[in-house]
Amino acid sequence: CLHDVSLETLEEGLQLKIQLHPTFPWSEAYQIRVDKSGLGEAVELSAVHKPRGAAAGVLADFSGSFQLRFSCPHWFVDRIGLSRTARLALHHCGHPLPCVGGVTLLPHSCQEKTYW
């Protein structure tokens, strides 16, 4: 999703928090640095769906022209077709990842190679 940000807001400094759903907890606050052209560095936010849940990786970056874009670049769609009483749940480090409507948001580190 895209959000417009004014130059006045950027001059005052921009602090971001993210909440995936109205019932989910807010993330930690993150500072964003932006230059006068409206371009800034990307910030990796971590958002959870419950206090002891694993964090999904949400990316906040400026796409130019003072537009702030939020995205979750890594996600998993459950299309396994289990009955309503059974469902697929993904965990990271033993904790459940945020999942709404069969779409699980994955952490930033989901593509790191692990050798056993």
C-alpha atoms as a PDB file:
ATOM      1  CA  CYS A   1       0.000   0.000   0.000  1.00  0.00           C
ATOM      2  CA  LEU A   2       1.170   3.564  -0.693  1.00  0.00           C
ATOM      3  CA  HIS A   3       0.924   6.605   1.568  1.00  0.00           C
ATOM      4  CA  ASP A   4       1.790  10.202   0.647  1.00  0.00           C
ATOM      5  CA  VAL A   5       4.130  12.014   3.045  1.00  0.00           C
ATOM      6  CA  SER A   6       4.547  15.813   3.075  1.00  0.00           C
ATOM      7  CA  LEU A   7       7.894  17.633   3.069  1.00  0.00           C
ATOM      8  CA  GLU A   8       6.941  19.261   6.397  1.00  0.00           C
ATOM      9  CA  THR A   9       6.528  15.829   7.976  1.00  0.00           C
ATOM     10  CA  LEU A  10       9.927  14.740   6.670  1.00  0.00           C
ATOM     11  CA  GLU A  11      11.654  17.838   8.026  1.00  0.00           C
ATOM     12  CA  GLU A  12      10.233  17.086  11.480  1.00  0.00           C
ATOM     13  CA  GLY A  13      11.395  13.480  11.265  1.00  0.00           C
ATOM     14  CA  LEU A  14       9.403  10.373  10.558  1.00  0.00           C
ATOM     15  CA  GLN A  15       8.850   7.588  13.047  1.00  0.00           C
ATOM     16  CA  LEU A  16       7.019   4.453  11.938  1.00  0.00           C
ATOM     17  CA  LYS A  17       5.074   1.764  13.762  1.00  0.00           C
ATOM     18  CA  ILE A  18       3.089  -0.972  12.090  1.00  0.00           C
ATOM     19  CA  GLN A  19       0.049  -2.974  13.109  1.00  0.00           C
ATOM     20  CA  LEU A  20      -1.080  -5.791  10.812  1.00  0.00           C
ATOM     21  CA  HIS A  21      -4.660  -5.868  12.113  1.00  0.00           C
ATOM     22  CA  PRO A  22      -6.607  -3.793  14.674  1.00  0.00           C
ATOM     23  CA  THR A  23      -6.439  -6.661  17.176  1.00  0.00           C
ATOM     24  CA  PHE A  24      -2.686  -7.285  16.697  1.00  0.00           C
ATOM     25  CA  PRO A  25       0.015  -5.541  18.780  1.00  0.00           C
ATOM     26  CA  TRP A  26       1.956  -2.530  17.410  1.00  0.00           C
ATOM     27  CA  SER A  27       5.568  -2.986  16.328  1.00  0.00           C
ATOM     28  CA  GLU A  28       8.508  -1.151  17.820  1.00  0.00           C
ATOM     29  CA  ALA A  29       9.009   2.416  16.569  1.00  0.00           C
ATOM     30  CA  TYR A  30      11.475   2.893  13.698  1.00  0.00           C
ATOM     31  CA  GLN A  31      13.052   6.105  12.434  1.00  0.00           C
ATOM     32  CA  ILE A  32      13.105   6.757   8.703  1.00  0.00           C
ATOM     33  CA  ARG A  33      15.622   9.050   7.011  1.00  0.00           C
ATOM     34  CA  VAL A  34      14.550  10.889   3.897  1.00  0.00           C
ATOM     35  CA  ASP A  35      16.318  13.448   1.731  1.00  0.00           C
ATOM     36  CA  LYS A  36      14.716  16.588   0.232  1.00  0.00           C
ATOM     37  CA  SER A  37      13.900  14.764  -3.017  1.00  0.00           C
ATOM     38  CA  GLY A  38      11.517  12.435  -1.186  1.00  0.00           C
ATOM     39  CA  LEU A  39      13.746   9.375  -1.422  1.00  0.00           C
ATOM     40  CA  GLY A  40      14.762   7.483   1.678  1.00  0.00           C
ATOM     41  CA  GLU A  41      16.383   4.283   2.778  1.00  0.00           C
ATOM     42  CA  ALA A  42      14.242   1.200   3.226  1.00  0.00           C
ATOM     43  CA  VAL A  43      13.447   0.084   6.761  1.00  0.00           C
ATOM     44  CA  GLU A  44      12.689  -3.491   7.766  1.00  0.00           C
ATOM     45  CA  LEU A  45       9.833  -3.570  10.268  1.00  0.00           C
ATOM     46  CA  SER A  46       8.897  -6.617  12.315  1.00  0.00           C
ATOM     47  CA  ALA A  47       5.193  -7.138  12.947  1.00  0.00           C
ATOM     48  CA  VAL A  48       3.570  -9.822  15.090  1.00  0.00           C
ATOM     49  CA  HIS A  49      -0.001 -11.038  15.474  1.00  0.00           C
ATOM     50  CA  LYS A  50       0.202 -12.001  19.130  1.00  0.00           C
ATOM     51  CA  PRO A  51       2.609 -11.182  21.977  1.00  0.00           C
ATOM     52  CA  ARG A  52       4.473 -14.517  21.705  1.00  0.00           C
ATOM     53  CA  GLY A  53       4.167 -14.865  17.932  1.00  0.00           C
ATOM     54  CA  ALA A  54       6.991 -14.822  15.396  1.00  0.00           C
ATOM     55  CA  ALA A  55       7.543 -11.569  13.523  1.00  0.00           C
ATOM     56  CA  ALA A  56       6.676 -11.082   9.871  1.00  0.00           C
ATOM     57  CA  GLY A  57       9.042  -8.983   7.800  1.00  0.00           C
ATOM     58  CA  VAL A  58       7.417  -5.812   6.486  1.00  0.00           C
ATOM     59  CA  LEU A  59       9.416  -3.432   4.306  1.00  0.00           C
ATOM     60  CA  ALA A  60       8.804   0.335   4.377  1.00  0.00           C
ATOM     61  CA  ASP A  61      10.488   2.292   1.605  1.00  0.00           C
ATOM     62  CA  PHE A  62      10.051   5.447  -0.423  1.00  0.00           C
ATOM     63  CA  SER A  63       9.137   4.898  -4.041  1.00  0.00           C
ATOM     64  CA  GLY A  64       9.897   8.540  -4.907  1.00  0.00           C
ATOM     65  CA  SER A  65       7.688  11.624  -4.977  1.00  0.00           C
ATOM     66  CA  PHE A  66       7.203  11.407  -1.205  1.00  0.00           C
ATOM     67  CA  GLN A  67       5.272   8.148  -1.372  1.00  0.00           C
ATOM     68  CA  LEU A  68       5.889   5.640   1.397  1.00  0.00           C
ATOM     69  CA  ARG A  69       5.246   2.021   0.395  1.00  0.00           C
ATOM     70  CA  PHE A  70       4.622  -0.851   2.818  1.00  0.00           C
ATOM     71  CA  SER A  71       5.027  -4.401   1.582  1.00  0.00           C
ATOM     72  CA  CYS A  72       5.667  -7.900   2.823  1.00  0.00           C
ATOM     73  CA  PRO A  73       7.968  -9.358   0.176  1.00  0.00           C
ATOM     74  CA  HIS A  74       7.830 -12.927   1.521  1.00  0.00           C
ATOM     75  CA  TRP A  75       4.559 -14.764   2.084  1.00  0.00           C
ATOM     76  CA  PHE A  76       3.056 -18.225   1.848  1.00  0.00           C
ATOM     77  CA  VAL A  77      -0.447 -19.015   0.582  1.00  0.00           C
ATOM     78  CA  ASP A  78      -2.125 -22.137   2.009  1.00  0.00           C
ATOM     79  CA  ARG A  79      -3.801 -23.884  -0.913  1.00  0.00           C
ATOM     80  CA  ILE A  80      -3.481 -27.395   0.493  1.00  0.00           C
ATOM     81  CA  GLY A  81      -7.265 -27.828   0.747  1.00  0.00           C
ATOM     82  CA  LEU A  82      -7.534 -29.242   4.266  1.00  0.00           C
ATOM     83  CA  SER A  83     -10.930 -29.271   5.927  1.00  0.00           C
ATOM     84  CA  ARG A  84     -11.997 -26.348   8.096  1.00  0.00           C
ATOM     85  CA  THR A  85     -11.141 -28.313  11.241  1.00  0.00           C
ATOM     86  CA  ALA A  86      -7.550 -28.877  10.084  1.00  0.00           C
ATOM     87  CA  ARG A  87      -5.231 -26.124   8.892  1.00  0.00           C
ATOM     88  CA  LEU A  88      -1.627 -25.599   7.992  1.00  0.00           C
ATOM     89  CA  ALA A  89       0.322 -23.400  10.440  1.00  0.00           C
ATOM     90  CA  LEU A  90       3.833 -22.093   9.797  1.00  0.00           C
ATOM     91  CA  HIS A  91       6.231 -21.379  12.673  1.00  0.00           C
ATOM     92  CA  HIS A  92       9.561 -19.578  12.957  1.00  0.00           C
ATOM     93  CA  CYS A  93      11.856 -20.443  15.873  1.00  0.00           C
ATOM     94  CA  GLY A  94       8.970 -22.335  17.469  1.00  0.00           C
ATOM     95  CA  HIS A  95       6.474 -19.447  17.318  1.00  0.00           C
ATOM     96  CA  PRO A  96       3.511 -19.058  14.936  1.00  0.00           C
ATOM     97  CA  LEU A  97       3.803 -16.556  12.082  1.00  0.00           C
ATOM     98  CA  PRO A  98       0.999 -14.055  11.342  1.00  0.00           C
ATOM     99  CA  CYS A  99      -1.680 -15.665   9.162  1.00  0.00           C
ATOM    100  CA  VAL A 100      -4.954 -14.188   7.920  1.00  0.00           C
ATOM    101  CA  GLY A 101      -7.241 -15.904   5.451  1.00  0.00           C
ATOM    102  CA  GLY A 102      -4.699 -18.583   4.556  1.00  0.00           C
ATOM    103  CA  VAL A 103      -1.900 -16.092   3.777  1.00  0.00           C
ATOM    104  CA  THR A 104       1.091 -16.348   6.131  1.00  0.00           C
ATOM    105  CA  LEU A 105       3.534 -13.426   6.272  1.00  0.00           C
ATOM    106  CA  LEU A 106       7.110 -14.678   6.491  1.00  0.00           C
ATOM    107  CA  PRO A 107      10.124 -13.143   8.288  1.00  0.00           C
ATOM    108  CA  HIS A 108      12.881 -11.191   6.538  1.00  0.00           C
ATOM    109  CA  SER A 109      15.288 -14.091   7.058  1.00  0.00           C
ATOM    110  CA  CYS A 110      13.068 -16.704   5.381  1.00  0.00           C
ATOM    111  CA  GLN A 111      15.391 -17.169   2.391  1.00  0.00           C
ATOM    112  CA  GLU A 112      18.652 -17.484   4.291  1.00  0.00           C
ATOM    113  CA  LYS A 113      20.342 -20.783   3.611  1.00  0.00           C
ATOM    114  CA  THR A 114      20.704 -23.120   6.537  1.00  0.00           C
ATOM    115  CA  TYR A 115      22.993 -26.112   6.405  1.00  0.00           C
ATOM    116  CA  TRP A 116      22.383 -28.911   8.864  1.00  0.00           C
END
